Protein backbone atom coordinates (compact mmCIF):
# COMPACT_ATOMS: atom_id res chain seq x y z
CA MET A 1 270.42 -0.38 -34.00
CA ASP A 2 273.38 -0.36 -36.58
CA LEU A 3 272.94 -3.15 -38.99
CA SER A 4 276.41 -2.58 -40.53
CA GLU A 5 278.19 -2.91 -36.94
CA THR A 6 275.77 -6.34 -35.72
CA ASN A 7 276.93 -6.98 -39.69
CA ARG A 8 280.81 -6.75 -38.79
CA ARG A 9 280.48 -8.24 -34.96
CA VAL A 10 278.58 -11.53 -36.16
CA VAL A 11 280.92 -12.37 -38.85
CA GLU A 12 283.89 -11.55 -36.50
CA GLN A 13 282.62 -14.12 -34.03
CA PHE A 14 281.52 -16.27 -36.76
CA ARG A 15 284.75 -16.41 -37.89
CA ALA A 16 286.27 -16.69 -34.71
CA GLY A 17 284.64 -20.31 -34.63
CA GLY A 18 283.11 -19.67 -30.77
CA PRO A 19 279.48 -18.66 -30.21
CA VAL A 20 277.85 -15.80 -31.98
CA GLU A 21 275.98 -13.45 -29.71
CA GLY A 22 271.75 -13.28 -30.31
CA MET A 23 272.08 -16.17 -32.62
CA HIS A 24 272.41 -20.04 -33.44
CA ARG A 25 275.49 -20.36 -34.92
CA GLU A 26 274.71 -24.06 -36.79
CA ARG A 27 271.41 -21.78 -38.93
CA LEU A 28 273.92 -19.41 -39.88
CA LEU A 29 276.27 -18.81 -42.82
CA LEU A 30 278.19 -16.11 -44.21
CA LEU A 31 277.50 -14.85 -48.24
CA THR A 32 279.99 -12.81 -50.04
CA THR A 33 278.63 -10.90 -52.62
CA THR A 34 279.89 -8.73 -55.42
CA GLY A 35 279.10 -5.50 -55.33
CA ALA A 36 276.24 -4.53 -58.38
CA ARG A 37 277.74 -0.92 -58.68
CA SER A 38 281.21 -1.10 -56.45
CA GLY A 39 282.66 -4.56 -57.58
CA ARG A 40 283.55 -4.99 -53.88
CA ALA A 41 282.75 -8.11 -51.69
CA HIS A 42 280.73 -8.04 -49.17
CA THR A 43 280.03 -10.29 -46.51
CA THR A 44 276.37 -10.54 -45.06
CA PRO A 45 275.39 -13.14 -42.10
CA MET A 46 272.25 -14.64 -42.54
CA MET A 47 270.29 -17.97 -41.56
CA PHE A 48 269.91 -20.74 -43.98
CA HIS A 49 268.01 -24.17 -44.63
CA ARG A 50 269.13 -27.07 -45.42
CA GLU A 51 266.99 -29.48 -47.48
CA ASP A 52 268.26 -32.13 -48.95
CA ASP A 53 271.49 -31.46 -50.87
CA ARG A 54 270.26 -27.91 -51.22
CA LEU A 55 271.54 -25.04 -49.15
CA LEU A 56 268.63 -22.13 -49.60
CA VAL A 57 269.26 -18.77 -48.32
CA VAL A 58 266.15 -16.32 -48.20
CA ALA A 59 265.60 -12.62 -49.61
CA SER A 60 262.65 -11.47 -47.27
CA ALA A 61 264.42 -8.26 -45.50
CA MET A 62 261.93 -8.63 -43.03
CA GLY A 63 259.29 -7.88 -44.96
CA ALA A 64 261.18 -4.74 -46.41
CA PRO A 65 259.53 -2.96 -49.56
CA THR A 66 262.92 -3.69 -51.64
CA HIS A 67 265.36 -6.67 -51.82
CA PRO A 68 268.22 -6.62 -49.77
CA ASP A 69 271.65 -5.34 -51.56
CA TRP A 70 272.85 -8.73 -51.20
CA TYR A 71 270.53 -10.18 -53.15
CA THR A 72 270.66 -7.62 -56.02
CA ASN A 73 274.37 -8.29 -56.04
CA LEU A 74 273.81 -11.91 -56.38
CA VAL A 75 271.76 -11.43 -59.06
CA ALA A 76 274.22 -8.94 -61.19
CA GLU A 77 276.85 -11.52 -60.30
CA PRO A 78 275.89 -15.02 -59.28
CA ARG A 79 278.87 -16.23 -58.25
CA VAL A 80 279.39 -16.22 -54.20
CA HIS A 81 281.17 -17.34 -51.43
CA VAL A 82 280.12 -18.92 -48.58
CA GLU A 83 280.81 -19.94 -45.44
CA VAL A 84 278.77 -22.34 -42.97
CA GLY A 85 280.08 -24.40 -40.25
CA ASP A 86 283.73 -25.14 -40.56
CA GLU A 87 283.89 -24.70 -43.98
CA GLU A 88 284.07 -22.16 -47.09
CA TYR A 89 283.66 -22.55 -50.54
CA ASP A 90 283.08 -20.87 -54.01
CA ALA A 91 279.36 -21.38 -55.17
CA VAL A 92 276.80 -19.99 -57.79
CA ALA A 93 273.55 -18.72 -56.27
CA THR A 94 270.66 -19.42 -57.99
CA PRO A 95 266.71 -18.18 -57.23
CA LEU A 96 264.37 -20.09 -57.43
CA ALA A 97 261.32 -20.41 -60.15
CA GLY A 98 258.01 -21.01 -61.03
CA THR A 99 256.59 -24.40 -59.14
CA ASP A 100 260.32 -25.44 -57.78
CA ARG A 101 260.23 -21.65 -55.73
CA GLU A 102 256.16 -21.96 -54.46
CA GLU A 103 256.81 -25.65 -53.15
CA VAL A 104 260.13 -24.46 -50.99
CA TRP A 105 258.25 -21.60 -50.21
CA SER A 106 255.26 -23.18 -48.49
CA ARG A 107 257.82 -25.84 -46.52
CA LEU A 108 259.87 -22.95 -45.53
CA VAL A 109 257.09 -20.85 -44.00
CA ALA A 110 255.50 -24.28 -42.52
CA LEU A 111 259.22 -24.60 -40.77
CA TYR A 112 259.65 -20.65 -40.43
CA PRO A 113 256.58 -18.49 -39.57
CA PHE A 114 258.32 -15.31 -39.51
CA PHE A 115 258.84 -15.73 -43.54
CA GLY A 116 255.38 -15.49 -43.59
CA GLU A 117 254.80 -12.45 -41.84
CA HIS A 118 257.56 -11.22 -44.19
CA ALA A 119 256.08 -11.66 -46.60
CA ALA A 120 252.37 -10.01 -45.24
CA ALA A 121 254.48 -7.29 -45.06
CA THR A 122 255.82 -6.38 -48.70
CA THR A 123 254.15 -6.21 -51.88
CA ARG A 124 256.99 -7.86 -53.65
CA THR A 125 257.78 -11.72 -53.84
CA ILE A 126 260.29 -13.02 -51.71
CA PRO A 127 262.98 -14.25 -53.40
CA VAL A 128 264.50 -17.78 -52.28
CA VAL A 129 267.82 -18.43 -53.75
CA GLU A 130 269.97 -22.22 -53.97
CA LEU A 131 273.84 -21.74 -53.16
CA THR A 132 275.28 -24.30 -55.37
CA ARG A 133 279.17 -25.25 -55.00
CA THR A 134 281.53 -25.40 -57.69
């Protein structure tokens, strides 16, 4: 499976406003980050979770040993662009830390057990990121 081709197809289908093949559109957002090395815009489709007024994404990379590129990008440049539902806006990405991260992580794993499986497959702490509209 070519991940970049899959992402390209998902972005195209998402922006067209119809169904997204193999995914739940209502749980999907597009996150555009600025490349840490290239300075170019990179758009990545990903699952999100709403918790009260918070919009959260998880950098699990399915338990890969390293953080996904989109996470590395937003650490270097936290100003991002979000497309969710029928709206889009600029946001600031903030990785959660400390007790806040641990409490949110516990709730996420309870709701989505596959995140616990991802965590068990890696030695890194999986980041949880809040996207705050600017």
